Amino acid sequence: MPERLLPLAESMRGRLAHGLNWYELLPLLDDVAVLALGISDHGQLELQRYLAELNERFDHFIDQLHITSEGHNQSQDAAHQLDRSLREQVGGLRDSVNQAPDAAGLRRVLENRLDGLVGTLDEHRKQRELRDQETAERLQGLAQRVASMEQEAQHYRENLEVQRQKALLDPLTGLPNRAAWGERLDRAISQREQEGSDLQVAIFDLDHFKAINDGYGHLAGDKVLKIVATVLGRRLRSGDFLARFGGEEFVLLMPETQPEAAAALLETLRSSIEACPFHFKGERVTITVSIGSTAFASGEPGDSALKRADQALYKAKAAGRNQVQQS
């Protein structure tokens, strides 16, 4: 966490430790938003620094490629120079042979010229081997650098994915949080529009949760939330998606589910929560939940369906709580 945000975090921790009144909730949520944005900006700065370092390495990599390319061009120039030199020496050999006065003179001319040709070839071979060695060393260095960059990039990708997954989880219950809910909701709506399948959404709200916090303390309230998350998670189907929406509210997506099947599942979840044994400091505490649900209409955005499910939840509360209402 950036140092400039530490005082804000400590202030929030102190307020939470002493308990909150209802009118203190909105200011606290504003501070949470500021803290989240600050941490996100801090991560963005780290990413920018990494990308800048990566750009520098790519620049060095490109420079080495240019050097290797120049070495290749020099090798081609040397080959052309060798060809010209051999042609000149062979041409001079013809002239010398024609001008030789006798056999002894011809022998001396041939030996001198052949020595010159062999020397030229040896010198070209040495220079070519030297250039080939330098090129091989550069290519090996480039290959090692590329492998190192790939490993670092993979490590960074994995670390980013780990951080992204952590950012999508509620630290108290371990369930997906509101951000993860938004991602999954968008995918579910898109799939529903493509396939024309049924999609149900439900909102859960723990009954009298404030009384639990006031009567038994926030530790008891946290324990209740964990138990509810566990009870719900164990009874969901493979395609269902449960998230903590905030406070004592949970949301549930039920893809490819008709209203009758959704009502049966939600009733099972409601009764399971009511029946779960919960004791705090030797005293049994009854936990109940009110649930509102609705079906997505064709082309309906997520906010609209959630609002309708929330209205059904209020009906359940008004009708006495601890029940399921569909809209």
C-alpha atoms as a PDB file:
ATOM      1  CA  MET A   1       0.000   0.000   0.000  1.00  0.00           C
ATOM      2  CA  PRO A   2       1.364   3.493  -0.807  1.00  0.00           C
ATOM      3  CA  GLU A   3       2.629   5.307   2.311  1.00  0.00           C
ATOM      4  CA  ARG A   4       0.394   8.294   1.642  1.00  0.00           C
ATOM      5  CA  LEU A   5      -2.663   6.061   2.171  1.00  0.00           C
ATOM      6  CA  LEU A   6      -1.536   4.549   5.489  1.00  0.00           C
ATOM      7  CA  PRO A   7      -3.102   7.318   7.687  1.00  0.00           C
ATOM      8  CA  LEU A   8      -6.432   6.842   5.909  1.00  0.00           C
ATOM      9  CA  ALA A   9      -6.260   3.069   6.385  1.00  0.00           C
ATOM     10  CA  GLU A  10      -5.419   3.449  10.085  1.00  0.00           C
ATOM     11  CA  SER A  11      -8.311   5.888  10.554  1.00  0.00           C
ATOM     12  CA  MET A  12     -10.720   3.437   8.897  1.00  0.00           C
ATOM     13  CA  ARG A  13      -9.439   0.581  11.048  1.00  0.00           C
ATOM     14  CA  GLY A  14     -10.021   2.661  14.194  1.00  0.00           C
ATOM     15  CA  ARG A  15     -13.569   3.572  13.217  1.00  0.00           C
ATOM     16  CA  LEU A  16     -14.404  -0.055  12.447  1.00  0.00           C
ATOM     17  CA  ALA A  17     -12.911  -1.238  15.754  1.00  0.00           C
ATOM     18  CA  HIS A  18     -15.223   1.052  17.743  1.00  0.00           C
ATOM     19  CA  GLY A  19     -18.343   0.173  15.741  1.00  0.00           C
ATOM     20  CA  LEU A  20     -20.284   2.323  13.311  1.00  0.00           C
ATOM     21  CA  ASN A  21     -23.603   4.095  13.439  1.00  0.00           C
ATOM     22  CA  TRP A  22     -25.747   3.973  10.322  1.00  0.00           C
ATOM     23  CA  TYR A  23     -24.970   7.581   9.397  1.00  0.00           C
ATOM     24  CA  GLU A  24     -21.220   6.824   9.436  1.00  0.00           C
ATOM     25  CA  LEU A  25     -21.497   4.135   6.785  1.00  0.00           C
ATOM     26  CA  LEU A  26     -21.551   6.357   3.673  1.00  0.00           C
ATOM     27  CA  PRO A  27     -18.433   8.366   4.663  1.00  0.00           C
ATOM     28  CA  LEU A  28     -16.630   5.091   5.372  1.00  0.00           C
ATOM     29  CA  LEU A  29     -17.582   3.707   1.951  1.00  0.00           C
ATOM     30  CA  ASP A  30     -16.243   6.892   0.335  1.00  0.00           C
ATOM     31  CA  ASP A  31     -12.919   6.345   2.129  1.00  0.00           C
ATOM     32  CA  VAL A  32     -12.875   2.708   0.976  1.00  0.00           C
ATOM     33  CA  ALA A  33     -13.281   3.902  -2.619  1.00  0.00           C
ATOM     34  CA  VAL A  34     -10.416   6.386  -2.208  1.00  0.00           C
ATOM     35  CA  LEU A  35      -8.235   3.644  -0.715  1.00  0.00           C
ATOM     36  CA  ALA A  36      -9.044   1.177  -3.510  1.00  0.00           C
ATOM     37  CA  LEU A  37      -8.321   3.756  -6.202  1.00  0.00           C
ATOM     38  CA  GLY A  38      -5.041   4.697  -4.530  1.00  0.00           C
ATOM     39  CA  ILE A  39      -3.906   1.079  -4.362  1.00  0.00           C
ATOM     40  CA  SER A  40      -4.962   0.588  -7.978  1.00  0.00           C
ATOM     41  CA  ASP A  41      -2.957   3.666  -9.012  1.00  0.00           C
ATOM     42  CA  HIS A  42       0.035   2.316  -7.100  1.00  0.00           C
ATOM     43  CA  GLY A  43      -0.176  -0.955  -9.016  1.00  0.00           C
ATOM     44  CA  GLN A  44      -0.481   1.001 -12.241  1.00  0.00           C
ATOM     45  CA  LEU A  45       2.764   2.860 -11.448  1.00  0.00           C
ATOM     46  CA  GLU A  46       4.532  -0.455 -10.850  1.00  0.00           C
ATOM     47  CA  LEU A  47       3.243  -1.702 -14.187  1.00  0.00           C
ATOM     48  CA  GLN A  48       4.431   1.468 -15.927  1.00  0.00           C
ATOM     49  CA  ARG A  49       7.903   1.090 -14.418  1.00  0.00           C
ATOM     50  CA  TYR A  50       8.054  -2.505 -15.564  1.00  0.00           C
ATOM     51  CA  LEU A  51       6.971  -1.572 -19.090  1.00  0.00           C
ATOM     52  CA  ALA A  52       9.588   1.201 -19.246  1.00  0.00           C
ATOM     53  CA  GLU A  53      12.283  -1.281 -18.230  1.00  0.00           C
ATOM     54  CA  LEU A  54      10.959  -3.718 -20.812  1.00  0.00           C
ATOM     55  CA  ASN A  55      11.170  -1.045 -23.515  1.00  0.00           C
ATOM     56  CA  GLU A  56      14.817  -0.399 -22.633  1.00  0.00           C
ATOM     57  CA  ARG A  57      15.582  -4.084 -22.975  1.00  0.00           C
ATOM     58  CA  PHE A  58      13.846  -4.241 -26.320  1.00  0.00           C
ATOM     59  CA  ASP A  59      15.898  -1.257 -27.495  1.00  0.00           C
ATOM     60  CA  HIS A  60      19.095  -3.080 -26.535  1.00  0.00           C
ATOM     61  CA  PHE A  61      17.804  -6.210 -28.230  1.00  0.00           C
ATOM     62  CA  ILE A  62      17.125  -4.304 -31.479  1.00  0.00           C
ATOM     63  CA  ASP A  63      20.579  -2.699 -31.334  1.00  0.00           C
ATOM     64  CA  GLN A  64      22.164  -6.140 -31.098  1.00  0.00           C
ATOM     65  CA  LEU A  65      20.127  -7.298 -34.069  1.00  0.00           C
ATOM     66  CA  HIS A  66      21.389  -4.323 -36.066  1.00  0.00           C
ATOM     67  CA  ILE A  67      24.977  -5.205 -35.138  1.00  0.00           C
ATOM     68  CA  THR A  68      24.412  -8.812 -36.199  1.00  0.00           C
ATOM     69  CA  SER A  69      22.861  -7.654 -39.456  1.00  0.00           C
ATOM     70  CA  GLU A  70      25.827  -5.369 -40.090  1.00  0.00           C
ATOM     71  CA  GLY A  71      28.157  -8.302 -39.452  1.00  0.00           C
ATOM     72  CA  HIS A  72      26.251 -10.295 -42.062  1.00  0.00           C
ATOM     73  CA  ASN A  73      26.605  -7.429 -44.543  1.00  0.00           C
ATOM     74  CA  GLN A  74      30.328  -7.164 -43.788  1.00  0.00           C
ATOM     75  CA  SER A  75      30.660 -10.887 -44.456  1.00  0.00           C
ATOM     76  CA  GLN A  76      29.006 -10.418 -47.854  1.00  0.00           C
ATOM     77  CA  ASP A  77      31.326  -7.487 -48.637  1.00  0.00           C
ATOM     78  CA  ALA A  78      34.331  -9.601 -47.679  1.00  0.00           C
ATOM     79  CA  ALA A  79      33.152 -12.376 -50.008  1.00  0.00           C
ATOM     80  CA  HIS A  80      32.851  -9.901 -52.887  1.00  0.00           C
ATOM     81  CA  GLN A  81      36.312  -8.530 -52.069  1.00  0.00           C
ATOM     82  CA  LEU A  82      37.749 -12.066 -52.089  1.00  0.00           C
ATOM     83  CA  ASP A  83      36.149 -12.719 -55.473  1.00  0.00           C
ATOM     84  CA  ARG A  84      37.690  -9.541 -56.918  1.00  0.00           C
ATOM     85  CA  SER A  85      41.092 -10.309 -55.408  1.00  0.00           C
ATOM     86  CA  LEU A  86      41.120 -13.878 -56.786  1.00  0.00           C
ATOM     87  CA  ARG A  87      40.072 -12.682 -60.211  1.00  0.00           C
ATOM     88  CA  GLU A  88      42.852 -10.076 -60.201  1.00  0.00           C
ATOM     89  CA  GLN A  89      45.462 -12.610 -59.109  1.00  0.00           C
ATOM     90  CA  VAL A  90      44.324 -15.180 -61.664  1.00  0.00           C
ATOM     91  CA  GLY A  91      44.426 -12.497 -64.342  1.00  0.00           C
ATOM     92  CA  GLY A  92      47.930 -11.508 -63.242  1.00  0.00           C
ATOM     93  CA  LEU A  93      48.905 -15.193 -63.335  1.00  0.00           C
ATOM     94  CA  ARG A  94      47.929 -15.442 -66.999  1.00  0.00           C
ATOM     95  CA  ASP A  95      50.011 -12.368 -67.848  1.00  0.00           C
ATOM     96  CA  SER A  96      53.010 -13.668 -65.912  1.00  0.00           C
ATOM     97  CA  VAL A  97      52.793 -17.094 -67.596  1.00  0.00           C
ATOM     98  CA  ASN A  98      52.739 -15.495 -71.012  1.00  0.00           C
ATOM     99  CA  GLN A  99      55.778 -13.352 -70.111  1.00  0.00           C
ATOM    100  CA  ALA A 100      57.883 -16.154 -68.591  1.00  0.00           C
ATOM    101  CA  PRO A 101      61.167 -16.557 -70.633  1.00  0.00           C
ATOM    102  CA  ASP A 102      61.699 -20.259 -69.827  1.00  0.00           C
ATOM    103  CA  ALA A 103      60.499 -23.202 -67.753  1.00  0.00           C
ATOM    104  CA  ALA A 104      62.416 -22.124 -64.620  1.00  0.00           C
ATOM    105  CA  GLY A 105      60.940 -18.646 -64.801  1.00  0.00           C
ATOM    106  CA  LEU A 106      57.455 -20.121 -65.290  1.00  0.00           C
ATOM    107  CA  ARG A 107      57.939 -22.287 -62.215  1.00  0.00           C
ATOM    108  CA  ARG A 108      58.935 -19.303 -60.073  1.00  0.00           C
ATOM    109  CA  VAL A 109      55.962 -17.311 -61.364  1.00  0.00           C
ATOM    110  CA  LEU A 110      53.530 -20.147 -60.589  1.00  0.00           C
ATOM    111  CA  GLU A 111      54.940 -20.715 -57.113  1.00  0.00           C
ATOM    112  CA  ASN A 112      54.777 -17.012 -56.246  1.00  0.00           C
ATOM    113  CA  ARG A 113      51.282 -16.636 -57.575  1.00  0.00           C
ATOM    114  CA  LEU A 114      50.036 -19.817 -55.889  1.00  0.00           C
ATOM    115  CA  ASP A 115      51.540 -18.660 -52.583  1.00  0.00           C
ATOM    116  CA  GLY A 116      49.663 -15.398 -53.017  1.00  0.00           C
ATOM    117  CA  LEU A 117      46.400 -17.194 -53.719  1.00  0.00           C
ATOM    118  CA  VAL A 118      46.800 -19.487 -50.725  1.00  0.00           C
ATOM    119  CA  GLY A 119      47.645 -16.534 -48.502  1.00  0.00           C
ATOM    120  CA  THR A 120      44.587 -14.630 -49.721  1.00  0.00           C
ATOM    121  CA  LEU A 121      42.329 -17.625 -49.053  1.00  0.00           C
ATOM    122  CA  ASP A 122      43.865 -18.191 -45.586  1.00  0.00           C
ATOM    123  CA  GLU A 123      43.366 -14.559 -44.623  1.00  0.00           C
ATOM    124  CA  HIS A 124      39.755 -14.618 -45.820  1.00  0.00           C
ATOM    125  CA  ARG A 125      39.122 -17.855 -43.915  1.00  0.00           C
ATOM    126  CA  LYS A 126      40.534 -16.375 -40.679  1.00  0.00           C
ATOM    127  CA  GLN A 127      38.464 -13.207 -41.000  1.00  0.00           C
ATOM    128  CA  ARG A 128      35.343 -15.210 -41.796  1.00  0.00           C
ATOM    129  CA  GLU A 129      35.859 -17.500 -38.778  1.00  0.00           C
ATOM    130  CA  LEU A 130      36.369 -14.454 -36.559  1.00  0.00           C
ATOM    131  CA  ARG A 131      33.201 -12.827 -37.855  1.00  0.00           C
ATOM    132  CA  ASP A 132      31.264 -16.093 -37.530  1.00  0.00           C
ATOM    133  CA  GLN A 133      32.430 -16.465 -33.925  1.00  0.00           C
ATOM    134  CA  GLU A 134      31.426 -12.896 -33.080  1.00  0.00           C
ATOM    135  CA  THR A 135      28.042 -13.402 -34.752  1.00  0.00           C
ATOM    136  CA  ALA A 136      27.476 -16.701 -32.922  1.00  0.00           C
ATOM    137  CA  GLU A 137      28.333 -15.068 -29.582  1.00  0.00           C
ATOM    138  CA  ARG A 138      25.940 -12.198 -30.285  1.00  0.00           C
ATOM    139  CA  LEU A 139      23.164 -14.592 -31.317  1.00  0.00           C
ATOM    140  CA  GLN A 140      23.749 -16.699 -28.209  1.00  0.00           C
ATOM    141  CA  GLY A 141      23.577 -13.584 -26.059  1.00  0.00           C
ATOM    142  CA  LEU A 142      20.375 -12.522 -27.794  1.00  0.00           C
ATOM    143  CA  ALA A 143      18.851 -15.975 -27.305  1.00  0.00           C
ATOM    144  CA  GLN A 144      19.707 -15.892 -23.583  1.00  0.00           C
ATOM    145  CA  ARG A 145      18.283 -12.386 -23.251  1.00  0.00           C
ATOM    146  CA  VAL A 146      15.075 -13.416 -25.023  1.00  0.00           C
ATOM    147  CA  ALA A 147      14.720 -16.464 -22.757  1.00  0.00           C
ATOM    148  CA  SER A 148      15.279 -14.287 -19.679  1.00  0.00           C
ATOM    149  CA  MET A 149      12.730 -11.727 -20.860  1.00  0.00           C
ATOM    150  CA  GLU A 150      10.200 -14.487 -21.567  1.00  0.00           C
ATOM    151  CA  GLN A 151      10.659 -15.908 -18.060  1.00  0.00           C
ATOM    152  CA  GLU A 152      10.292 -12.483 -16.466  1.00  0.00           C
ATOM    153  CA  ALA A 153       7.243 -11.684 -18.587  1.00  0.00           C
ATOM    154  CA  GLN A 154       5.644 -15.023 -17.678  1.00  0.00           C
ATOM    155  CA  HIS A 155       6.364 -14.436 -13.990  1.00  0.00           C
ATOM    156  CA  TYR A 156       4.883 -10.959 -14.230  1.00  0.00           C
ATOM    157  CA  ARG A 157       1.786 -12.262 -16.037  1.00  0.00           C
ATOM    158  CA  GLU A 158       1.307 -14.933 -13.384  1.00  0.00           C
ATOM    159  CA  ASN A 159       1.760 -12.381 -10.591  1.00  0.00           C
ATOM    160  CA  LEU A 160      -0.727 -10.012 -12.225  1.00  0.00           C
ATOM    161  CA  GLU A 161      -3.247 -12.836 -12.562  1.00  0.00           C
ATOM    162  CA  VAL A 162      -2.779 -13.795  -8.901  1.00  0.00           C
ATOM    163  CA  GLN A 163      -3.308 -10.175  -7.863  1.00  0.00           C
ATOM    164  CA  ARG A 164      -6.327  -9.896 -10.159  1.00  0.00           C
ATOM    165  CA  GLN A 165      -7.886 -13.020  -8.660  1.00  0.00           C
ATOM    166  CA  LYS A 166      -7.238 -11.719  -5.132  1.00  0.00           C
ATOM    167  CA  ALA A 167      -8.896  -8.437  -6.063  1.00  0.00           C
ATOM    168  CA  LEU A 168     -12.010 -10.385  -7.120  1.00  0.00           C
ATOM    169  CA  LEU A 169     -12.423 -12.220  -3.782  1.00  0.00           C
ATOM    170  CA  ASP A 170     -14.097 -11.067  -0.595  1.00  0.00           C
ATOM    171  CA  PRO A 171     -11.427 -11.493   2.117  1.00  0.00           C
ATOM    172  CA  LEU A 172     -13.925 -12.382   4.866  1.00  0.00           C
ATOM    173  CA  THR A 173     -16.045 -15.072   3.203  1.00  0.00           C
ATOM    174  CA  GLY A 174     -13.747 -16.134   0.365  1.00  0.00           C
ATOM    175  CA  LEU A 175     -16.618 -15.649  -2.086  1.00  0.00           C
ATOM    176  CA  PRO A 176     -16.341 -13.570  -5.265  1.00  0.00           C
ATOM    177  CA  ASN A 177     -16.833  -9.899  -4.509  1.00  0.00           C
ATOM    178  CA  ARG A 178     -18.871  -7.206  -6.233  1.00  0.00           C
ATOM    179  CA  ALA A 179     -16.255  -6.635  -8.950  1.00  0.00           C
ATOM    180  CA  ALA A 180     -16.201 -10.350  -9.809  1.00  0.00           C
ATOM    181  CA  TRP A 181     -19.999 -10.328  -9.807  1.00  0.00           C
ATOM    182  CA  GLY A 182     -20.053  -7.580 -12.429  1.00  0.00           C
ATOM    183  CA  GLU A 183     -17.727  -9.559 -14.739  1.00  0.00           C
ATOM    184  CA  ARG A 184     -19.732 -12.765 -14.376  1.00  0.00           C
ATOM    185  CA  LEU A 185     -23.070 -10.987 -14.779  1.00  0.00           C
ATOM    186  CA  ASP A 186     -21.981  -9.450 -18.095  1.00  0.00           C
ATOM    187  CA  ARG A 187     -20.901 -12.869 -19.415  1.00  0.00           C
ATOM    188  CA  ALA A 188     -24.128 -14.526 -18.248  1.00  0.00           C
ATOM    189  CA  ILE A 189     -26.283 -11.874 -19.929  1.00  0.00           C
ATOM    190  CA  SER A 190     -24.288 -12.183 -23.164  1.00  0.00           C
ATOM    191  CA  GLN A 191     -24.672 -15.970 -23.114  1.00  0.00           C
ATOM    192  CA  ARG A 192     -28.391 -15.663 -22.432  1.00  0.00           C
ATOM    193  CA  GLU A 193     -28.831 -13.325 -25.417  1.00  0.00           C
ATOM    194  CA  GLN A 194     -26.877 -15.647 -27.716  1.00  0.00           C
ATOM    195  CA  GLU A 195     -28.577 -18.869 -26.659  1.00  0.00           C
ATOM    196  CA  GLY A 196     -32.003 -17.571 -25.628  1.00  0.00           C
ATOM    197  CA  SER A 197     -31.756 -19.519 -22.376  1.00  0.00           C
ATOM    198  CA  ASP A 198     -33.330 -18.732 -19.004  1.00  0.00           C
ATOM    199  CA  LEU A 199     -31.400 -16.687 -16.456  1.00  0.00           C
ATOM    200  CA  GLN A 200     -32.498 -16.065 -12.854  1.00  0.00           C
ATOM    201  CA  VAL A 201     -30.990 -13.713 -10.282  1.00  0.00           C
ATOM    202  CA  ALA A 202     -31.593 -13.629  -6.522  1.00  0.00           C
ATOM    203  CA  ILE A 203     -30.612 -11.306  -3.679  1.00  0.00           C
ATOM    204  CA  PHE A 204     -30.143 -12.662  -0.130  1.00  0.00           C
ATOM    205  CA  ASP A 205     -30.299 -10.418   2.930  1.00  0.00           C
ATOM    206  CA  LEU A 206     -29.653 -11.740   6.441  1.00  0.00           C
ATOM    207  CA  ASP A 207     -32.527 -10.959   8.792  1.00  0.00           C
ATOM    208  CA  HIS A 208     -31.830  -8.778  11.840  1.00  0.00           C
ATOM    209  CA  PHE A 209     -28.103  -8.797  11.148  1.00  0.00           C
ATOM    210  CA  LYS A 210     -27.601  -5.501  12.968  1.00  0.00           C
ATOM    211  CA  ALA A 211     -29.111  -7.075  16.098  1.00  0.00           C
ATOM    212  CA  ILE A 212     -26.511  -9.845  15.888  1.00  0.00           C
ATOM    213  CA  ASN A 213     -23.711  -7.291  15.645  1.00  0.00           C
ATOM    214  CA  ASP A 214     -25.136  -5.191  18.458  1.00  0.00           C
ATOM    215  CA  GLY A 215     -25.937  -8.112  20.715  1.00  0.00           C
ATOM    216  CA  TYR A 216     -22.937 -10.345  20.183  1.00  0.00           C
ATOM    217  CA  GLY A 217     -20.321  -8.077  18.597  1.00  0.00           C
ATOM    218  CA  HIS A 218     -18.767  -7.777  15.167  1.00  0.00           C
ATOM    219  CA  LEU A 219     -16.809 -11.009  15.587  1.00  0.00           C
ATOM    220  CA  ALA A 220     -20.094 -12.864  15.830  1.00  0.00           C
ATOM    221  CA  GLY A 221     -21.386 -11.010  12.788  1.00  0.00           C
ATOM    222  CA  ASP A 222     -18.288 -11.989  10.795  1.00  0.00           C
ATOM    223  CA  LYS A 223     -18.706 -15.605  11.878  1.00  0.00           C
ATOM    224  CA  VAL A 224     -22.328 -15.572  10.729  1.00  0.00           C
ATOM    225  CA  LEU A 225     -21.329 -14.260   7.306  1.00  0.00           C
ATOM    226  CA  LYS A 226     -18.700 -17.001   6.947  1.00  0.00           C
ATOM    227  CA  ILE A 227     -21.177 -19.709   7.957  1.00  0.00           C
ATOM    228  CA  VAL A 228     -23.828 -18.436   5.549  1.00  0.00           C
ATOM    229  CA  ALA A 229     -21.301 -18.329   2.703  1.00  0.00           C
ATOM    230  CA  THR A 230     -20.265 -21.922   3.457  1.00  0.00           C
ATOM    231  CA  VAL A 231     -23.842 -23.219   3.731  1.00  0.00           C
ATOM    232  CA  LEU A 232     -24.878 -21.576   0.469  1.00  0.00           C
ATOM    233  CA  GLY A 233     -21.745 -22.630  -1.403  1.00  0.00           C
ATOM    234  CA  ARG A 234     -22.177 -26.312  -0.505  1.00  0.00           C
ATOM    235  CA  ARG A 235     -25.692 -26.471  -1.926  1.00  0.00           C
ATOM    236  CA  LEU A 236     -25.259 -24.666  -5.247  1.00  0.00           C
ATOM    237  CA  ARG A 237     -25.246 -26.378  -8.601  1.00  0.00           C
ATOM    238  CA  SER A 238     -22.170 -26.402 -10.836  1.00  0.00           C
ATOM    239  CA  GLY A 239     -23.307 -23.524 -13.050  1.00  0.00           C
ATOM    240  CA  ASP A 240     -24.553 -21.221 -10.261  1.00  0.00           C
ATOM    241  CA  PHE A 241     -22.522 -18.183  -9.225  1.00  0.00           C
ATOM    242  CA  LEU A 242     -22.676 -16.768  -5.707  1.00  0.00           C
ATOM    243  CA  ALA A 243     -21.028 -13.510  -4.608  1.00  0.00           C
ATOM    244  CA  ARG A 244     -20.992 -11.257  -1.582  1.00  0.00           C
ATOM    245  CA  PHE A 245     -22.667  -8.055  -2.723  1.00  0.00           C
ATOM    246  CA  GLY A 246     -21.787  -6.021   0.356  1.00  0.00           C
ATOM    247  CA  GLY A 247     -22.591  -5.982   4.066  1.00  0.00           C
ATOM    248  CA  GLU A 248     -24.994  -8.817   4.824  1.00  0.00           C
ATOM    249  CA  GLU A 249     -26.193  -9.156   1.198  1.00  0.00           C
ATOM    250  CA  PHE A 250     -25.362 -11.964  -1.213  1.00  0.00           C
ATOM    251  CA  VAL A 251     -26.329 -12.326  -4.882  1.00  0.00           C
ATOM    252  CA  LEU A 252     -26.842 -15.483  -6.903  1.00  0.00           C
ATOM    253  CA  LEU A 253     -26.934 -16.098 -10.656  1.00  0.00           C
ATOM    254  CA  MET A 254     -28.777 -19.197 -11.858  1.00  0.00           C
ATOM    255  CA  PRO A 255     -28.154 -19.768 -15.591  1.00  0.00           C
ATOM    256  CA  GLU A 256     -30.387 -22.027 -17.662  1.00  0.00           C
ATOM    257  CA  THR A 257     -32.928 -22.135 -14.839  1.00  0.00           C
ATOM    258  CA  GLN A 258     -36.671 -21.647 -15.089  1.00  0.00           C
ATOM    259  CA  PRO A 259     -38.591 -19.784 -12.335  1.00  0.00           C
ATOM    260  CA  GLU A 260     -40.005 -22.987 -10.801  1.00  0.00           C
ATOM    261  CA  ALA A 261     -36.567 -24.579 -10.468  1.00  0.00           C
ATOM    262  CA  ALA A 262     -35.144 -21.328  -9.100  1.00  0.00           C
ATOM    263  CA  ALA A 263     -37.892 -21.128  -6.463  1.00  0.00           C
ATOM    264  CA  ALA A 264     -37.188 -24.718  -5.347  1.00  0.00           C
ATOM    265  CA  LEU A 265     -33.437 -24.101  -5.091  1.00  0.00           C
ATOM    266  CA  LEU A 266     -33.880 -20.847  -3.194  1.00  0.00           C
ATOM    267  CA  GLU A 267     -36.261 -22.463  -0.728  1.00  0.00           C
ATOM    268  CA  THR A 268     -33.675 -25.188  -0.107  1.00  0.00           C
ATOM    269  CA  LEU A 269     -31.020 -22.563   0.534  1.00  0.00           C
ATOM    270  CA  ARG A 270     -33.299 -20.584   2.854  1.00  0.00           C
ATOM    271  CA  SER A 271     -34.226 -23.601   4.954  1.00  0.00           C
ATOM    272  CA  SER A 272     -30.573 -24.742   5.113  1.00  0.00           C
ATOM    273  CA  ILE A 273     -29.508 -21.414   6.578  1.00  0.00           C
ATOM    274  CA  GLU A 274     -32.304 -21.489   9.119  1.00  0.00           C
ATOM    275  CA  ALA A 275     -31.346 -25.003  10.173  1.00  0.00           C
ATOM    276  CA  CYS A 276     -27.601 -24.462  10.457  1.00  0.00           C
ATOM    277  CA  PRO A 277     -26.352 -24.679  14.065  1.00  0.00           C
ATOM    278  CA  PHE A 278     -24.694 -21.480  15.182  1.00  0.00           C
ATOM    279  CA  HIS A 279     -23.507 -20.858  18.712  1.00  0.00           C
ATOM    280  CA  PHE A 280     -21.613 -17.919  20.102  1.00  0.00           C
ATOM    281  CA  LYS A 281     -20.308 -17.886  23.665  1.00  0.00           C
ATOM    282  CA  GLY A 282     -22.414 -20.949  24.430  1.00  0.00           C
ATOM    283  CA  GLU A 283     -25.660 -19.421  23.198  1.00  0.00           C
ATOM    284  CA  ARG A 284     -27.510 -20.625  20.117  1.00  0.00           C
ATOM    285  CA  VAL A 285     -28.237 -17.900  17.572  1.00  0.00           C
ATOM    286  CA  THR A 286     -30.876 -18.451  14.904  1.00  0.00           C
ATOM    287  CA  ILE A 287     -29.952 -17.167  11.469  1.00  0.00           C
ATOM    288  CA  THR A 288     -32.578 -16.542   8.812  1.00  0.00           C
ATOM    289  CA  VAL A 289     -32.483 -14.934   5.425  1.00  0.00           C
ATOM    290  CA  SER A 290     -34.951 -13.157   3.168  1.00  0.00           C
ATOM    291  CA  ILE A 291     -34.637 -13.731  -0.582  1.00  0.00           C
ATOM    292  CA  GLY A 292     -35.934 -11.892  -3.621  1.00  0.00           C
ATOM    293  CA  SER A 293     -35.545 -13.268  -7.136  1.00  0.00           C
ATOM    294  CA  THR A 294     -36.541 -12.553 -10.712  1.00  0.00           C
ATOM    295  CA  ALA A 295     -35.978 -13.770 -14.256  1.00  0.00           C
ATOM    296  CA  PHE A 296     -34.107 -11.746 -16.866  1.00  0.00           C
ATOM    297  CA  ALA A 297     -36.226 -10.523 -19.741  1.00  0.00           C
ATOM    298  CA  SER A 298     -34.921 -10.521 -23.302  1.00  0.00           C
ATOM    299  CA  GLY A 299     -32.448  -7.682 -23.811  1.00  0.00           C
ATOM    300  CA  GLU A 300     -32.708  -6.569 -20.182  1.00  0.00           C
ATOM    301  CA  PRO A 301     -29.599  -5.026 -18.578  1.00  0.00           C
ATOM    302  CA  GLY A 302     -28.275  -6.320 -15.289  1.00  0.00           C
ATOM    303  CA  ASP A 303     -29.215  -3.248 -13.223  1.00  0.00           C
ATOM    304  CA  SER A 304     -32.845  -3.520 -14.223  1.00  0.00           C
ATOM    305  CA  ALA A 305     -33.177  -7.174 -13.196  1.00  0.00           C
ATOM    306  CA  LEU A 306     -31.298  -6.559  -9.937  1.00  0.00           C
ATOM    307  CA  LYS A 307     -33.657  -3.718  -9.102  1.00  0.00           C
ATOM    308  CA  ARG A 308     -36.627  -6.016  -9.641  1.00  0.00           C
ATOM    309  CA  ALA A 309     -35.056  -8.734  -7.468  1.00  0.00           C
ATOM    310  CA  ASP A 310     -34.413  -6.101  -4.796  1.00  0.00           C
ATOM    311  CA  GLN A 311     -38.092  -5.132  -4.887  1.00  0.00           C
ATOM    312  CA  ALA A 312     -38.999  -8.786  -4.371  1.00  0.00           C
ATOM    313  CA  LEU A 313     -36.588  -8.842  -1.410  1.00  0.00           C
ATOM    314  CA  TYR A 314     -38.408  -5.910   0.187  1.00  0.00           C
ATOM    315  CA  LYS A 315     -41.656  -7.820  -0.226  1.00  0.00           C
ATOM    316  CA  ALA A 316     -40.131 -10.748   1.637  1.00  0.00           C
ATOM    317  CA  LYS A 317     -38.988  -8.436   4.437  1.00  0.00           C
ATOM    318  CA  ALA A 318     -42.387  -6.766   4.646  1.00  0.00           C
ATOM    319  CA  ALA A 319     -44.187 -10.126   4.710  1.00  0.00           C
ATOM    320  CA  GLY A 320     -42.330 -11.230   7.838  1.00  0.00           C
ATOM    321  CA  ARG A 321     -38.812 -12.172   6.639  1.00  0.00           C
ATOM    322  CA  ASN A 322     -37.295 -15.657   6.389  1.00  0.00           C
ATOM    323  CA  GLN A 323     -38.969 -16.370   3.034  1.00  0.00           C
ATOM    324  CA  VAL A 324     -38.559 -16.284  -0.743  1.00  0.00           C
ATOM    325  CA  GLN A 325     -40.419 -13.839  -2.977  1.00  0.00           C
ATOM    326  CA  GLN A 326     -40.285 -13.824  -6.780  1.00  0.00           C
ATOM    327  CA  SER A 327     -40.999 -10.858  -9.027  1.00  0.00           C
END
